[in-house]
Amino acid sequence: MMYEERDVVLELPIGYIREHCTSWSRLCHELGLEAEGLEQGVYLSNDRVSLDLAMAKRYGLCQEWWL
């Protein structure tokens, strides 16, 4: 059985996502997060965020991963 990329869900620390994504503000908009949330203390860097593999690839989060 083949899975679609949107069917594979990843859960990553928000600090990792912020550091490695290619467009933080666009990703936050898509996920419904506050773009300034880490700086304002709304989120902690180890808080986890769920996103699908397609979204992770779109924002450059798994460029060097071996899946």
N, C-alpha and C. Protein backbone atom coordinates (compact mmCIF):
# COMPACT_ATOMS: atom_id res chain seq x y z
N MET A 1 0.84 -1.17 0.00
CA MET A 1 0.00 0.00 0.00
C MET A 1 0.89 1.25 0.00
N MET A 2 0.61 2.16 -0.88
CA MET A 2 1.35 3.42 -0.96
C MET A 2 0.59 4.50 -0.21
N TYR A 3 1.29 5.29 0.54
CA TYR A 3 0.68 6.40 1.26
C TYR A 3 0.94 7.70 0.51
N GLU A 4 -0.01 8.58 0.55
CA GLU A 4 0.17 9.93 0.03
C GLU A 4 0.95 10.72 1.06
N GLU A 5 1.70 11.71 0.62
CA GLU A 5 2.49 12.52 1.56
C GLU A 5 1.60 13.23 2.57
N ARG A 6 0.40 13.58 2.17
CA ARG A 6 -0.50 14.28 3.10
C ARG A 6 -1.09 13.33 4.15
N ASP A 7 -0.92 12.00 3.96
CA ASP A 7 -1.40 11.01 4.92
C ASP A 7 -0.37 10.72 6.02
N VAL A 8 0.87 11.16 5.82
CA VAL A 8 1.94 10.91 6.79
C VAL A 8 2.07 12.15 7.67
N VAL A 9 1.78 11.99 8.96
CA VAL A 9 1.81 13.12 9.89
C VAL A 9 3.11 13.10 10.70
N LEU A 10 3.75 14.26 10.75
CA LEU A 10 4.96 14.44 11.54
C LEU A 10 4.64 15.33 12.73
N GLU A 11 5.29 15.08 13.83
CA GLU A 11 5.17 15.93 15.01
C GLU A 11 6.57 16.41 15.35
N LEU A 12 6.79 17.72 15.20
CA LEU A 12 8.12 18.29 15.38
C LEU A 12 8.10 19.41 16.40
N PRO A 13 9.22 19.63 17.10
CA PRO A 13 9.30 20.76 18.03
C PRO A 13 9.23 22.08 17.26
N ILE A 14 8.48 23.02 17.78
CA ILE A 14 8.29 24.30 17.10
C ILE A 14 9.61 25.04 16.92
N GLY A 15 10.55 24.88 17.85
CA GLY A 15 11.86 25.51 17.71
C GLY A 15 12.61 24.99 16.49
N TYR A 16 12.54 23.69 16.26
CA TYR A 16 13.17 23.09 15.08
C TYR A 16 12.53 23.63 13.81
N ILE A 17 11.21 23.67 13.81
CA ILE A 17 10.48 24.15 12.64
C ILE A 17 10.87 25.60 12.35
N ARG A 18 10.88 26.45 13.37
CA ARG A 18 11.22 27.87 13.20
C ARG A 18 12.62 28.03 12.63
N GLU A 19 13.54 27.23 13.11
CA GLU A 19 14.93 27.34 12.68
C GLU A 19 15.15 26.88 11.24
N HIS A 20 14.39 25.86 10.79
CA HIS A 20 14.69 25.23 9.51
C HIS A 20 13.71 25.51 8.38
N CYS A 21 12.55 26.06 8.66
CA CYS A 21 11.58 26.23 7.57
C CYS A 21 11.96 27.40 6.68
N THR A 22 11.49 27.36 5.44
CA THR A 22 11.84 28.36 4.45
C THR A 22 10.96 29.60 4.51
N SER A 23 9.78 29.52 5.10
CA SER A 23 8.89 30.68 5.22
C SER A 23 8.05 30.54 6.49
N TRP A 24 8.61 30.99 7.60
CA TRP A 24 7.97 30.85 8.90
C TRP A 24 6.59 31.49 8.93
N SER A 25 6.45 32.70 8.43
CA SER A 25 5.15 33.39 8.52
C SER A 25 4.08 32.68 7.70
N ARG A 26 4.42 32.19 6.51
CA ARG A 26 3.43 31.46 5.70
C ARG A 26 3.04 30.14 6.36
N LEU A 27 4.03 29.44 6.92
CA LEU A 27 3.74 28.18 7.59
C LEU A 27 2.84 28.42 8.80
N CYS A 28 3.14 29.46 9.58
CA CYS A 28 2.31 29.79 10.73
C CYS A 28 0.88 30.07 10.30
N HIS A 29 0.72 30.80 9.22
CA HIS A 29 -0.62 31.10 8.71
C HIS A 29 -1.35 29.81 8.35
N GLU A 30 -0.67 28.90 7.67
CA GLU A 30 -1.29 27.62 7.27
C GLU A 30 -1.68 26.78 8.48
N LEU A 31 -0.86 26.82 9.52
CA LEU A 31 -1.10 25.99 10.70
C LEU A 31 -1.96 26.69 11.76
N GLY A 32 -2.23 27.98 11.57
CA GLY A 32 -3.02 28.72 12.55
C GLY A 32 -2.21 29.09 13.79
N LEU A 33 -0.91 29.28 13.63
CA LEU A 33 -0.03 29.65 14.73
C LEU A 33 0.28 31.15 14.66
N GLU A 34 0.68 31.71 15.78
CA GLU A 34 1.13 33.11 15.82
C GLU A 34 2.60 33.14 15.42
N ALA A 35 2.94 33.91 14.40
CA ALA A 35 4.31 33.97 13.90
C ALA A 35 5.29 34.47 14.96
N GLU A 36 4.86 35.32 15.86
CA GLU A 36 5.73 35.87 16.90
C GLU A 36 5.57 35.11 18.23
N GLY A 37 4.93 33.96 18.18
CA GLY A 37 4.60 33.21 19.39
C GLY A 37 5.79 32.78 20.23
N LEU A 38 6.89 32.41 19.59
CA LEU A 38 8.09 32.02 20.35
C LEU A 38 8.69 33.22 21.07
N GLU A 39 8.79 34.34 20.37
CA GLU A 39 9.38 35.54 20.95
C GLU A 39 8.50 36.11 22.07
N GLN A 40 7.20 35.96 21.95
CA GLN A 40 6.27 36.50 22.95
C GLN A 40 5.99 35.53 24.09
N GLY A 41 6.56 34.34 24.04
CA GLY A 41 6.36 33.37 25.10
C GLY A 41 5.05 32.61 25.02
N VAL A 42 4.35 32.72 23.89
CA VAL A 42 3.11 31.96 23.69
C VAL A 42 3.44 30.48 23.54
N TYR A 43 4.55 30.19 22.86
CA TYR A 43 5.01 28.82 22.65
C TYR A 43 6.40 28.66 23.25
N LEU A 44 6.70 27.45 23.66
CA LEU A 44 8.06 27.09 24.07
C LEU A 44 8.72 26.38 22.89
N SER A 45 10.03 26.45 22.79
CA SER A 45 10.70 25.86 21.63
C SER A 45 10.52 24.35 21.54
N ASN A 46 10.24 23.70 22.67
CA ASN A 46 10.04 22.24 22.62
C ASN A 46 8.57 21.85 22.48
N ASP A 47 7.64 22.83 22.39
CA ASP A 47 6.23 22.51 22.08
C ASP A 47 6.19 21.86 20.71
N ARG A 48 5.35 20.85 20.57
CA ARG A 48 5.31 20.10 19.32
C ARG A 48 4.14 20.54 18.45
N VAL A 49 4.39 20.50 17.14
CA VAL A 49 3.40 20.88 16.14
C VAL A 49 3.26 19.72 15.17
N SER A 50 2.02 19.41 14.79
CA SER A 50 1.76 18.35 13.82
C SER A 50 1.56 18.95 12.44
N LEU A 51 2.20 18.35 11.45
CA LEU A 51 2.01 18.75 10.07
C LEU A 51 2.25 17.53 9.19
N ASP A 52 1.68 17.55 8.01
CA ASP A 52 1.85 16.39 7.14
C ASP A 52 3.16 16.49 6.37
N LEU A 53 3.59 15.38 5.81
CA LEU A 53 4.86 15.30 5.11
C LEU A 53 4.89 16.25 3.91
N ALA A 54 3.79 16.38 3.20
CA ALA A 54 3.74 17.29 2.05
C ALA A 54 4.04 18.72 2.48
N MET A 55 3.46 19.16 3.59
CA MET A 55 3.69 20.51 4.10
C MET A 55 5.14 20.65 4.56
N ALA A 56 5.66 19.64 5.24
CA ALA A 56 7.05 19.68 5.69
C ALA A 56 8.00 19.83 4.51
N LYS A 57 7.75 19.11 3.44
CA LYS A 57 8.59 19.22 2.25
C LYS A 57 8.46 20.60 1.61
N ARG A 58 7.23 21.10 1.54
CA ARG A 58 6.98 22.41 0.93
C ARG A 58 7.76 23.51 1.63
N TYR A 59 7.96 23.38 2.93
CA TYR A 59 8.66 24.40 3.70
C TYR A 59 10.10 24.02 4.04
N GLY A 60 10.64 23.03 3.34
CA GLY A 60 12.05 22.70 3.47
C GLY A 60 12.46 22.04 4.77
N LEU A 61 11.53 21.41 5.47
CA LEU A 61 11.84 20.86 6.79
C LEU A 61 12.49 19.49 6.76
N CYS A 62 12.46 18.81 5.65
CA CYS A 62 13.03 17.46 5.65
C CYS A 62 13.97 17.27 4.46
N GLN A 63 14.67 18.32 4.09
CA GLN A 63 15.57 18.27 2.93
C GLN A 63 16.70 17.27 3.11
N GLU A 64 17.23 17.15 4.30
CA GLU A 64 18.39 16.28 4.52
C GLU A 64 18.04 15.01 5.29
N TRP A 65 16.77 14.70 5.36
CA TRP A 65 16.34 13.50 6.08
C TRP A 65 16.42 12.30 5.16
N TRP A 66 16.66 11.15 5.77
CA TRP A 66 16.55 9.87 5.08
C TRP A 66 15.27 9.22 5.58
N LEU A 67 14.26 9.15 4.73
CA LEU A 67 12.97 8.58 5.14
C LEU A 67 12.80 7.19 4.57
